[in-house]
Amino acid sequence: MSTVIYGMLREEKQRNLERQEAYLREIGALPKGSVVVKTINGKRYHYLQYREKGGVKSVYIGNCITEIDCIKSKIEERKHLQDILKRLKLEYKEICKVVKE
């Protein structure tokens, strides 16, 4: 393999790792789980629900539509970033097959 191509692949491998770390930081700052509505005594309450330490945790988020929509959009953004991260990891694995260090 050409040393130029090999060098480019090594650089891409490092760049990929840096991007993975950046996406992991972004994902960590966003809420996980989903917004659920519980009806208690005829009233609707909105909760952010997610798994933690083997159980399901529910956090009350109020009934403000703006706040609920904001949380939902952040959850969607998290899912999108997780998809990108998954593709980056697959790409990294392929690069590692070629660049054996």
PDB file of N, CA and C in Angstrom:
ATOM      1  N   MET A   1       0.847  -1.176   0.000  1.00  0.00           N
ATOM      2  CA  MET A   1       0.000   0.000   0.000  1.00  0.00           C
ATOM      3  C   MET A   1       0.894   1.242   0.000  1.00  0.00           C
ATOM      4  N   SER A   2       0.489   2.219  -0.727  1.00  0.00           N
ATOM      5  CA  SER A   2       1.233   3.467  -0.818  1.00  0.00           C
ATOM      6  C   SER A   2       1.345   4.121   0.554  1.00  0.00           C
ATOM      7  N   THR A   3       2.519   4.668   0.832  1.00  0.00           N
ATOM      8  CA  THR A   3       2.717   5.318   2.136  1.00  0.00           C
ATOM      9  C   THR A   3       1.840   6.551   2.279  1.00  0.00           C
ATOM     10  N   VAL A   4       1.520   7.198   1.161  1.00  0.00           N
ATOM     11  CA  VAL A   4       0.642   8.376   1.205  1.00  0.00           C
ATOM     12  C   VAL A   4      -0.757   7.955   1.652  1.00  0.00           C
ATOM     13  N   ILE A   5      -1.281   6.913   1.045  1.00  0.00           N
ATOM     14  CA  ILE A   5      -2.621   6.424   1.398  1.00  0.00           C
ATOM     15  C   ILE A   5      -2.623   5.916   2.829  1.00  0.00           C
ATOM     16  N   TYR A   6      -1.591   5.193   3.199  1.00  0.00           N
ATOM     17  CA  TYR A   6      -1.485   4.679   4.559  1.00  0.00           C
ATOM     18  C   TYR A   6      -1.480   5.833   5.568  1.00  0.00           C
ATOM     19  N   GLY A   7      -0.717   6.881   5.267  1.00  0.00           N
ATOM     20  CA  GLY A   7      -0.670   8.058   6.138  1.00  0.00           C
ATOM     21  C   GLY A   7      -2.025   8.733   6.245  1.00  0.00           C
ATOM     22  N   MET A   8      -2.726   8.823   5.125  1.00  0.00           N
ATOM     23  CA  MET A   8      -4.062   9.430   5.130  1.00  0.00           C
ATOM     24  C   MET A   8      -5.023   8.608   5.987  1.00  0.00           C
ATOM     25  N   LEU A   9      -4.934   7.301   5.879  1.00  0.00           N
ATOM     26  CA  LEU A   9      -5.808   6.437   6.676  1.00  0.00           C
ATOM     27  C   LEU A   9      -5.501   6.568   8.173  1.00  0.00           C
ATOM     28  N   ARG A  10      -4.213   6.691   8.515  1.00  0.00           N
ATOM     29  CA  ARG A  10      -3.853   6.879   9.925  1.00  0.00           C
ATOM     30  C   ARG A  10      -4.402   8.195  10.454  1.00  0.00           C
ATOM     31  N   GLU A  11      -4.320   9.247   9.626  1.00  0.00           N
ATOM     32  CA  GLU A  11      -4.880  10.544  10.022  1.00  0.00           C
ATOM     33  C   GLU A  11      -6.393  10.450  10.169  1.00  0.00           C
ATOM     34  N   GLU A  12      -7.040   9.757   9.243  1.00  0.00           N
ATOM     35  CA  GLU A  12      -8.500   9.610   9.308  1.00  0.00           C
ATOM     36  C   GLU A  12      -8.909   8.812  10.544  1.00  0.00           C
ATOM     37  N   LYS A  13      -8.099   7.829  10.900  1.00  0.00           N
ATOM     38  CA  LYS A  13      -8.367   7.034  12.104  1.00  0.00           C
ATOM     39  C   LYS A  13      -8.357   7.939  13.342  1.00  0.00           C
ATOM     40  N   GLN A  14      -7.361   8.806  13.434  1.00  0.00           N
ATOM     41  CA  GLN A  14      -7.260   9.720  14.572  1.00  0.00           C
ATOM     42  C   GLN A  14      -8.415  10.726  14.560  1.00  0.00           C
ATOM     43  N   ARG A  15      -8.727  11.262  13.384  1.00  0.00           N
ATOM     44  CA  ARG A  15      -9.824  12.223  13.244  1.00  0.00           C
ATOM     45  C   ARG A  15     -11.155  11.575  13.655  1.00  0.00           C
ATOM     46  N   ASN A  16     -11.313  10.317  13.253  1.00  0.00           N
ATOM     47  CA  ASN A  16     -12.528   9.581  13.609  1.00  0.00           C
ATOM     48  C   ASN A  16     -12.657   9.455  15.128  1.00  0.00           C
ATOM     49  N   LEU A  17     -11.562   9.106  15.803  1.00  0.00           N
ATOM     50  CA  LEU A  17     -11.584   8.990  17.267  1.00  0.00           C
ATOM     51  C   LEU A  17     -11.947  10.316  17.929  1.00  0.00           C
ATOM     52  N   GLU A  18     -11.392  11.402  17.418  1.00  0.00           N
ATOM     53  CA  GLU A  18     -11.695  12.726  17.971  1.00  0.00           C
ATOM     54  C   GLU A  18     -13.168  13.073  17.788  1.00  0.00           C
ATOM     55  N   ARG A  19     -13.712  12.746  16.628  1.00  0.00           N
ATOM     56  CA  ARG A  19     -15.132  13.009  16.373  1.00  0.00           C
ATOM     57  C   ARG A  19     -16.001  12.156  17.288  1.00  0.00           C
ATOM     58  N   GLN A  20     -15.613  10.890  17.506  1.00  0.00           N
ATOM     59  CA  GLN A  20     -16.366  10.029  18.415  1.00  0.00           C
ATOM     60  C   GLN A  20     -16.418  10.632  19.816  1.00  0.00           C
ATOM     61  N   GLU A  21     -15.277  11.110  20.293  1.00  0.00           N
ATOM     62  CA  GLU A  21     -15.225  11.711  21.625  1.00  0.00           C
ATOM     63  C   GLU A  21     -16.105  12.953  21.704  1.00  0.00           C
ATOM     64  N   ALA A  22     -16.086  13.776  20.658  1.00  0.00           N
ATOM     65  CA  ALA A  22     -16.914  14.984  20.629  1.00  0.00           C
ATOM     66  C   ALA A  22     -18.398  14.621  20.666  1.00  0.00           C
ATOM     67  N   TYR A  23     -18.788  13.625  19.876  1.00  0.00           N
ATOM     68  CA  TYR A  23     -20.196  13.206  19.868  1.00  0.00           C
ATOM     69  C   TYR A  23     -20.598  12.612  21.216  1.00  0.00           C
ATOM     70  N   LEU A  24     -19.710  11.866  21.837  1.00  0.00           N
ATOM     71  CA  LEU A  24     -20.011  11.312  23.160  1.00  0.00           C
ATOM     72  C   LEU A  24     -20.267  12.420  24.187  1.00  0.00           C
ATOM     73  N   ARG A  25     -19.482  13.493  24.120  1.00  0.00           N
ATOM     74  CA  ARG A  25     -19.693  14.628  25.032  1.00  0.00           C
ATOM     75  C   ARG A  25     -21.047  15.277  24.774  1.00  0.00           C
ATOM     76  N   GLU A  26     -21.369  15.484  23.491  1.00  0.00           N
ATOM     77  CA  GLU A  26     -22.656  16.090  23.138  1.00  0.00           C
ATOM     78  C   GLU A  26     -23.818  15.213  23.595  1.00  0.00           C
ATOM     79  N   ILE A  27     -23.706  13.920  23.358  1.00  0.00           N
ATOM     80  CA  ILE A  27     -24.761  12.981  23.751  1.00  0.00           C
ATOM     81  C   ILE A  27     -24.946  12.990  25.262  1.00  0.00           C
ATOM     82  N   GLY A  28     -23.842  13.041  26.001  1.00  0.00           N
ATOM     83  CA  GLY A  28     -23.909  13.049  27.456  1.00  0.00           C
ATOM     84  C   GLY A  28     -24.617  14.271  28.026  1.00  0.00           C
ATOM     85  N   ALA A  29     -24.621  15.367  27.271  1.00  0.00           N
ATOM     86  CA  ALA A  29     -25.256  16.601  27.739  1.00  0.00           C
ATOM     87  C   ALA A  29     -26.751  16.649  27.425  1.00  0.00           C
ATOM     88  N   LEU A  30     -27.232  15.696  26.632  1.00  0.00           N
ATOM     89  CA  LEU A  30     -28.641  15.694  26.232  1.00  0.00           C
ATOM     90  C   LEU A  30     -29.434  14.673  27.053  1.00  0.00           C
ATOM     91  N   PRO A  31     -30.742  14.937  27.243  1.00  0.00           N
ATOM     92  CA  PRO A  31     -31.556  13.995  28.019  1.00  0.00           C
ATOM     93  C   PRO A  31     -31.765  12.685  27.268  1.00  0.00           C
ATOM     94  N   LYS A  32     -31.880  11.606  28.037  1.00  0.00           N
ATOM     95  CA  LYS A  32     -32.143  10.300  27.434  1.00  0.00           C
ATOM     96  C   LYS A  32     -33.544   9.868  27.825  1.00  0.00           C
ATOM     97  N   GLY A  33     -34.062   8.876  27.140  1.00  0.00           N
ATOM     98  CA  GLY A  33     -35.378   8.338  27.470  1.00  0.00           C
ATOM     99  C   GLY A  33     -36.462   8.882  26.563  1.00  0.00           C
ATOM    100  N   SER A  34     -37.648   9.037  27.145  1.00  0.00           N
ATOM    101  CA  SER A  34     -38.785   9.549  26.385  1.00  0.00           C
ATOM    102  C   SER A  34     -39.738  10.285  27.321  1.00  0.00           C
ATOM    103  N   VAL A  35     -40.576  11.107  26.712  1.00  0.00           N
ATOM    104  CA  VAL A  35     -41.584  11.835  27.479  1.00  0.00           C
ATOM    105  C   VAL A  35     -42.846  10.981  27.518  1.00  0.00           C
ATOM    106  N   VAL A  36     -43.344  10.729  28.717  1.00  0.00           N
ATOM    107  CA  VAL A  36     -44.575   9.954  28.885  1.00  0.00           C
ATOM    108  C   VAL A  36     -45.598  10.791  29.642  1.00  0.00           C
ATOM    109  N   VAL A  37     -46.861  10.498  29.390  1.00  0.00           N
ATOM    110  CA  VAL A  37     -47.955  11.190  30.064  1.00  0.00           C
ATOM    111  C   VAL A  37     -48.629  10.200  30.997  1.00  0.00           C
ATOM    112  N   LYS A  38     -48.755  10.583  32.251  1.00  0.00           N
ATOM    113  CA  LYS A  38     -49.447   9.752  33.233  1.00  0.00           C
ATOM    114  C   LYS A  38     -50.696  10.502  33.670  1.00  0.00           C
ATOM    115  N   THR A  39     -51.795   9.783  33.762  1.00  0.00           N
ATOM    116  CA  THR A  39     -53.033  10.375  34.243  1.00  0.00           C
ATOM    117  C   THR A  39     -53.250   9.926  35.678  1.00  0.00           C
ATOM    118  N   ILE A  40     -53.260  10.901  36.579  1.00  0.00           N
ATOM    119  CA  ILE A  40     -53.441  10.639  38.003  1.00  0.00           C
ATOM    120  C   ILE A  40     -54.610  11.474  38.490  1.00  0.00           C
ATOM    121  N   ASN A  41     -55.634  10.796  39.022  1.00  0.00           N
ATOM    122  CA  ASN A  41     -56.860  11.462  39.486  1.00  0.00           C
ATOM    123  C   ASN A  41     -57.462  12.364  38.409  1.00  0.00           C
ATOM    124  N   GLY A  42     -57.443  11.899  37.183  1.00  0.00           N
ATOM    125  CA  GLY A  42     -58.048  12.634  36.075  1.00  0.00           C
ATOM    126  C   GLY A  42     -57.190  13.760  35.519  1.00  0.00           C
ATOM    127  N   LYS A  43     -56.020  14.001  36.078  1.00  0.00           N
ATOM    128  CA  LYS A  43     -55.141  15.060  35.588  1.00  0.00           C
ATOM    129  C   LYS A  43     -53.939  14.439  34.877  1.00  0.00           C
ATOM    130  N   ARG A  44     -53.473  15.138  33.830  1.00  0.00           N
ATOM    131  CA  ARG A  44     -52.345  14.643  33.036  1.00  0.00           C
ATOM    132  C   ARG A  44     -51.045  15.279  33.523  1.00  0.00           C
ATOM    133  N   TYR A  45     -50.046  14.421  33.719  1.00  0.00           N
ATOM    134  CA  TYR A  45     -48.733  14.868  34.158  1.00  0.00           C
ATOM    135  C   TYR A  45     -47.682  14.324  33.190  1.00  0.00           C
ATOM    136  N   HIS A  46     -46.725  15.158  32.847  1.00  0.00           N
ATOM    137  CA  HIS A  46     -45.678  14.767  31.910  1.00  0.00           C
ATOM    138  C   HIS A  46     -44.397  14.440  32.658  1.00  0.00           C
ATOM    139  N   TYR A  47     -43.784  13.322  32.249  1.00  0.00           N
ATOM    140  CA  TYR A  47     -42.556  12.848  32.888  1.00  0.00           C
ATOM    141  C   TYR A  47     -41.520  12.502  31.835  1.00  0.00           C
ATOM    142  N   LEU A  48     -40.263  12.716  32.186  1.00  0.00           N
ATOM    143  CA  LEU A  48     -39.160  12.203  31.391  1.00  0.00           C
ATOM    144  C   LEU A  48     -38.830  10.855  32.009  1.00  0.00           C
ATOM    145  N   GLN A  49     -38.913   9.799  31.206  1.00  0.00           N
ATOM    146  CA  GLN A  49     -38.724   8.445  31.723  1.00  0.00           C
ATOM    147  C   GLN A  49     -37.530   7.798  31.020  1.00  0.00           C
ATOM    148  N   TYR A  50     -36.634   7.209  31.822  1.00  0.00           N
ATOM    149  CA  TYR A  50     -35.442   6.569  31.277  1.00  0.00           C
ATOM    150  C   TYR A  50     -34.967   5.472  32.218  1.00  0.00           C
ATOM    151  N   ARG A  51     -34.093   4.610  31.678  1.00  0.00           N
ATOM    152  CA  ARG A  51     -33.533   3.512  32.477  1.00  0.00           C
ATOM    153  C   ARG A  51     -32.269   3.988  33.177  1.00  0.00           C
ATOM    154  N   GLU A  52     -32.139   3.541  34.430  1.00  0.00           N
ATOM    155  CA  GLU A  52     -30.943   3.863  35.202  1.00  0.00           C
ATOM    156  C   GLU A  52     -30.715   2.773  36.228  1.00  0.00           C
ATOM    157  N   LYS A  53     -29.515   2.208  36.203  1.00  0.00           N
ATOM    158  CA  LYS A  53     -29.131   1.161  37.149  1.00  0.00           C
ATOM    159  C   LYS A  53     -30.145   0.018  37.194  1.00  0.00           C
ATOM    160  N   GLY A  54     -30.573  -0.435  36.034  1.00  0.00           N
ATOM    161  CA  GLY A  54     -31.457  -1.583  35.946  1.00  0.00           C
ATOM    162  C   GLY A  54     -32.922  -1.299  36.197  1.00  0.00           C
ATOM    163  N   GLY A  55     -33.270  -0.065  36.506  1.00  0.00           N
ATOM    164  CA  GLY A  55     -34.662   0.282  36.753  1.00  0.00           C
ATOM    165  C   GLY A  55     -35.091   1.448  35.882  1.00  0.00           C
ATOM    166  N   VAL A  56     -36.379   1.749  35.960  1.00  0.00           N
ATOM    167  CA  VAL A  56     -36.926   2.863  35.200  1.00  0.00           C
ATOM    168  C   VAL A  56     -37.114   4.042  36.147  1.00  0.00           C
ATOM    169  N   LYS A  57     -36.611   5.197  35.717  1.00  0.00           N
ATOM    170  CA  LYS A  57     -36.711   6.399  36.535  1.00  0.00           C
ATOM    171  C   LYS A  57     -37.633   7.386  35.829  1.00  0.00           C
ATOM    172  N   SER A  58     -38.522   8.013  36.564  1.00  0.00           N
ATOM    173  CA  SER A  58     -39.427   9.025  36.022  1.00  0.00           C
ATOM    174  C   SER A  58     -39.162  10.349  36.726  1.00  0.00           C
ATOM    175  N   VAL A  59     -38.962  11.393  35.927  1.00  0.00           N
ATOM    176  CA  VAL A  59     -38.722  12.727  36.470  1.00  0.00           C
ATOM    177  C   VAL A  59     -39.822  13.649  35.954  1.00  0.00           C
ATOM    178  N   TYR A  60     -40.545  14.278  36.863  1.00  0.00           N
ATOM    179  CA  TYR A  60     -41.633  15.185  36.485  1.00  0.00           C
ATOM    180  C   TYR A  60     -41.062  16.397  35.767  1.00  0.00           C
ATOM    181  N   ILE A  61     -41.641  16.728  34.609  1.00  0.00           N
ATOM    182  CA  ILE A  61     -41.148  17.873  33.838  1.00  0.00           C
ATOM    183  C   ILE A  61     -42.183  18.980  33.701  1.00  0.00           C
ATOM    184  N   GLY A  62     -43.341  18.812  34.312  1.00  0.00           N
ATOM    185  CA  GLY A  62     -44.357  19.858  34.262  1.00  0.00           C
ATOM    186  C   GLY A  62     -45.274  19.714  33.065  1.00  0.00           C
ATOM    187  N   ASN A  63     -46.119  20.715  32.872  1.00  0.00           N
ATOM    188  CA  ASN A  63     -47.101  20.671  31.791  1.00  0.00           C
ATOM    189  C   ASN A  63     -46.917  21.801  30.791  1.00  0.00           C
ATOM    190  N   CYS A  64     -45.810  22.516  30.869  1.00  0.00           N
ATOM    191  CA  CYS A  64     -45.514  23.596  29.934  1.00  0.00           C
ATOM    192  C   CYS A  64     -45.193  22.999  28.565  1.00  0.00           C
ATOM    193  N   ILE A  65     -46.026  23.296  27.584  1.00  0.00           N
ATOM    194  CA  ILE A  65     -45.863  22.732  26.238  1.00  0.00           C
ATOM    195  C   ILE A  65     -44.505  23.091  25.649  1.00  0.00           C
ATOM    196  N   THR A  66     -44.053  24.311  25.878  1.00  0.00           N
ATOM    197  CA  THR A  66     -42.759  24.736  25.351  1.00  0.00           C
ATOM    198  C   THR A  66     -41.636  23.881  25.932  1.00  0.00           C
ATOM    199  N   GLU A  67     -41.676  23.654  27.233  1.00  0.00           N
ATOM    200  CA  GLU A  67     -40.659  22.840  27.903  1.00  0.00           C
ATOM    201  C   GLU A  67     -40.701  21.393  27.398  1.00  0.00           C
ATOM    202  N   ILE A  68     -41.889  20.862  27.259  1.00  0.00           N
ATOM    203  CA  ILE A  68     -42.055  19.478  26.782  1.00  0.00           C
ATOM    204  C   ILE A  68     -41.515  19.337  25.364  1.00  0.00           C
ATOM    205  N   ASP A  69     -41.865  20.294  24.487  1.00  0.00           N
ATOM    206  CA  ASP A  69     -41.376  20.258  23.107  1.00  0.00           C
ATOM    207  C   ASP A  69     -39.856  20.380  23.049  1.00  0.00           C
ATOM    208  N   CYS A  70     -39.297  21.211  23.925  1.00  0.00           N
ATOM    209  CA  CYS A  70     -37.840  21.376  23.982  1.00  0.00           C
ATOM    210  C   CYS A  70     -37.175  20.062  24.369  1.00  0.00           C
ATOM    211  N   ILE A  71     -37.695  19.394  25.373  1.00  0.00           N
ATOM    212  CA  ILE A  71     -37.131  18.115  25.806  1.00  0.00           C
ATOM    213  C   ILE A  71     -37.266  17.072  24.710  1.00  0.00           C
ATOM    214  N   LYS A  72     -38.426  17.038  24.050  1.00  0.00           N
ATOM    215  CA  LYS A  72     -38.620  16.073  22.957  1.00  0.00           C
ATOM    216  C   LYS A  72     -37.629  16.307  21.829  1.00  0.00           C
ATOM    217  N   SER A  73     -37.386  17.569  21.484  1.00  0.00           N
ATOM    218  CA  SER A  73     -36.437  17.852  20.399  1.00  0.00           C
ATOM    219  C   SER A  73     -35.016  17.474  20.807  1.00  0.00           C
ATOM    220  N   LYS A  74     -34.668  17.669  22.088  1.00  0.00           N
ATOM    221  CA  LYS A  74     -33.340  17.279  22.560  1.00  0.00           C
ATOM    222  C   LYS A  74     -33.180  15.759  22.542  1.00  0.00           C
ATOM    223  N   ILE A  75     -34.242  15.035  22.855  1.00  0.00           N
ATOM    224  CA  ILE A  75     -34.204  13.570  22.800  1.00  0.00           C
ATOM    225  C   ILE A  75     -34.001  13.108  21.350  1.00  0.00           C
ATOM    226  N   GLU A  76     -34.704  13.757  20.418  1.00  0.00           N
ATOM    227  CA  GLU A  76     -34.537  13.417  18.996  1.00  0.00           C
ATOM    228  C   GLU A  76     -33.110  13.721  18.532  1.00  0.00           C
ATOM    229  N   GLU A  77     -32.566  14.850  18.983  1.00  0.00           N
ATOM    230  CA  GLU A  77     -31.196  15.196  18.632  1.00  0.00           C
ATOM    231  C   GLU A  77     -30.226  14.149  19.170  1.00  0.00           C
ATOM    232  N   ARG A  78     -30.469  13.684  20.400  1.00  0.00           N
ATOM    233  CA  ARG A  78     -29.625  12.649  20.997  1.00  0.00           C
ATOM    234  C   ARG A  78     -29.651  11.379  20.148  1.00  0.00           C
ATOM    235  N   LYS A  79     -30.846  10.979  19.719  1.00  0.00           N
ATOM    236  CA  LYS A  79     -30.972   9.778  18.893  1.00  0.00           C
ATOM    237  C   LYS A  79     -30.222   9.943  17.574  1.00  0.00           C
ATOM    238  N   HIS A  80     -30.330  11.135  16.995  1.00  0.00           N
ATOM    239  CA  HIS A  80     -29.633  11.412  15.737  1.00  0.00           C
ATOM    240  C   HIS A  80     -28.116  11.311  15.930  1.00  0.00           C
ATOM    241  N   LEU A  81     -27.615  11.914  17.010  1.00  0.00           N
ATOM    242  CA  LEU A  81     -26.183  11.862  17.291  1.00  0.00           C
ATOM    243  C   LEU A  81     -25.719  10.433  17.589  1.00  0.00           C
ATOM    244  N   GLN A  82     -26.564   9.645  18.230  1.00  0.00           N
ATOM    245  CA  GLN A  82     -26.222   8.249  18.495  1.00  0.00           C
ATOM    246  C   GLN A  82     -26.107   7.461  17.191  1.00  0.00           C
ATOM    247  N   ASP A  83     -26.969   7.768  16.222  1.00  0.00           N
ATOM    248  CA  ASP A  83     -26.874   7.116  14.912  1.00  0.00           C
ATOM    249  C   ASP A  83     -25.562   7.478  14.215  1.00  0.00           C
ATOM    250  N   ILE A  84     -25.198   8.758  14.280  1.00  0.00           N
ATOM    251  CA  ILE A  84     -23.937   9.198  13.676  1.00  0.00           C
ATOM    252  C   ILE A  84     -22.767   8.499  14.356  1.00  0.00           C
ATOM    253  N   LEU A  85     -22.805   8.434  15.690  1.00  0.00           N
ATOM    254  CA  LEU A  85     -21.735   7.782  16.450  1.00  0.00           C
ATOM    255  C   LEU A  85     -21.612   6.312  16.067  1.00  0.00           C
ATOM    256  N   LYS A  86     -22.724   5.655  15.882  1.00  0.00           N
ATOM    257  CA  LYS A  86     -22.716   4.248  15.488  1.00  0.00           C
ATOM    258  C   LYS A  86     -22.017   4.076  14.134  1.00  0.00           C
ATOM    259  N   ARG A  87     -22.322   4.979  13.188  1.00  0.00           N
ATOM    260  CA  ARG A  87     -21.677   4.910  11.877  1.00  0.00           C
ATOM    261  C   ARG A  87     -20.177   5.191  11.973  1.00  0.00           C
ATOM    262  N   LEU A  88     -19.815   6.150  12.839  1.00  0.00           N
ATOM    263  CA  LEU A  88     -18.395   6.453  13.033  1.00  0.00           C
ATOM    264  C   LEU A  88     -17.642   5.243  13.591  1.00  0.00           C
ATOM    265  N   LYS A  89     -18.267   4.531  14.512  1.00  0.00           N
ATOM    266  CA  LYS A  89     -17.621   3.351  15.099  1.00  0.00           C
ATOM    267  C   LYS A  89     -17.427   2.260  14.055  1.00  0.00           C
ATOM    268  N   LEU A  90     -18.408   2.092  13.178  1.00  0.00           N
ATOM    269  CA  LEU A  90     -18.271   1.108  12.097  1.00  0.00           C
ATOM    270  C   LEU A  90     -17.151   1.517  11.140  1.00  0.00           C
ATOM    271  N   GLU A  91     -17.095   2.803  10.820  1.00  0.00           N
ATOM    272  CA  GLU A  91     -16.040   3.319   9.947  1.00  0.00           C
ATOM    273  C   GLU A  91     -14.666   3.118  10.593  1.00  0.00           C
ATOM    274  N   TYR A  92     -14.571   3.371  11.889  1.00  0.00           N
ATOM    275  CA  TYR A  92     -13.318   3.195  12.619  1.00  0.00           C
ATOM    276  C   TYR A  92     -12.867   1.738  12.559  1.00  0.00           C
ATOM    277  N   LYS A  93     -13.817   0.841  12.712  1.00  0.00           N
ATOM    278  CA  LYS A  93     -13.510  -0.585  12.669  1.00  0.00           C
ATOM    279  C   LYS A  93     -12.954  -0.974  11.299  1.00  0.00           C
ATOM    280  N   GLU A  94     -13.527  -0.421  10.248  1.00  0.00           N
ATOM    281  CA  GLU A  94     -13.048  -0.703   8.898  1.00  0.00           C
ATOM    282  C   GLU A  94     -11.644  -0.140   8.680  1.00  0.00           C
ATOM    283  N   ILE A  95     -11.402   1.073   9.176  1.00  0.00           N
ATOM    284  CA  ILE A  95     -10.074   1.670   9.040  1.00  0.00           C
ATOM    285  C   ILE A  95      -9.035   0.829   9.795  1.00  0.00           C
ATOM    286  N   CYS A  96      -9.411   0.348  10.967  1.00  0.00           N
ATOM    287  CA  CYS A  96      -8.484  -0.458  11.763  1.00  0.00           C
ATOM    288  C   CYS A  96      -8.107  -1.767  11.069  1.00  0.00           C
ATOM    289  N   LYS A  97      -8.997  -2.283  10.244  1.00  0.00           N
ATOM    290  CA  LYS A  97      -8.680  -3.508   9.507  1.00  0.00           C
ATOM    291  C   LYS A  97      -7.539  -3.260   8.514  1.00  0.00           C
ATOM    292  N   VAL A  98      -7.521  -2.049   7.961  1.00  0.00           N
ATOM    293  CA  VAL A  98      -6.503  -1.706   6.969  1.00  0.00           C
ATOM    294  C   VAL A  98      -5.230  -1.201   7.635  1.00  0.00           C
ATOM    295  N   VAL A  99      -5.401  -0.334   8.645  1.00  0.00           N
ATOM    296  CA  VAL A  99      -4.265   0.267   9.345  1.00  0.00           C
ATOM    297  C   VAL A  99      -4.053  -0.512  10.619  1.00  0.00           C
ATOM    298  N   LYS A 100      -3.130  -1.415  10.595  1.00  0.00           N
ATOM    299  CA  LYS A 100      -2.882  -2.252  11.777  1.00  0.00           C
ATOM    300  C   LYS A 100      -1.713  -1.666  12.564  1.00  0.00           C
ATOM    301  N   GLU A 101      -2.047  -1.054  13.667  1.00  0.00           N
ATOM    302  CA  GLU A 101      -1.011  -0.450  14.537  1.00  0.00           C
ATOM    303  C   GLU A 101      -1.097  -1.034  15.905  1.00  0.00           C
TER     304      GLU A 101
END
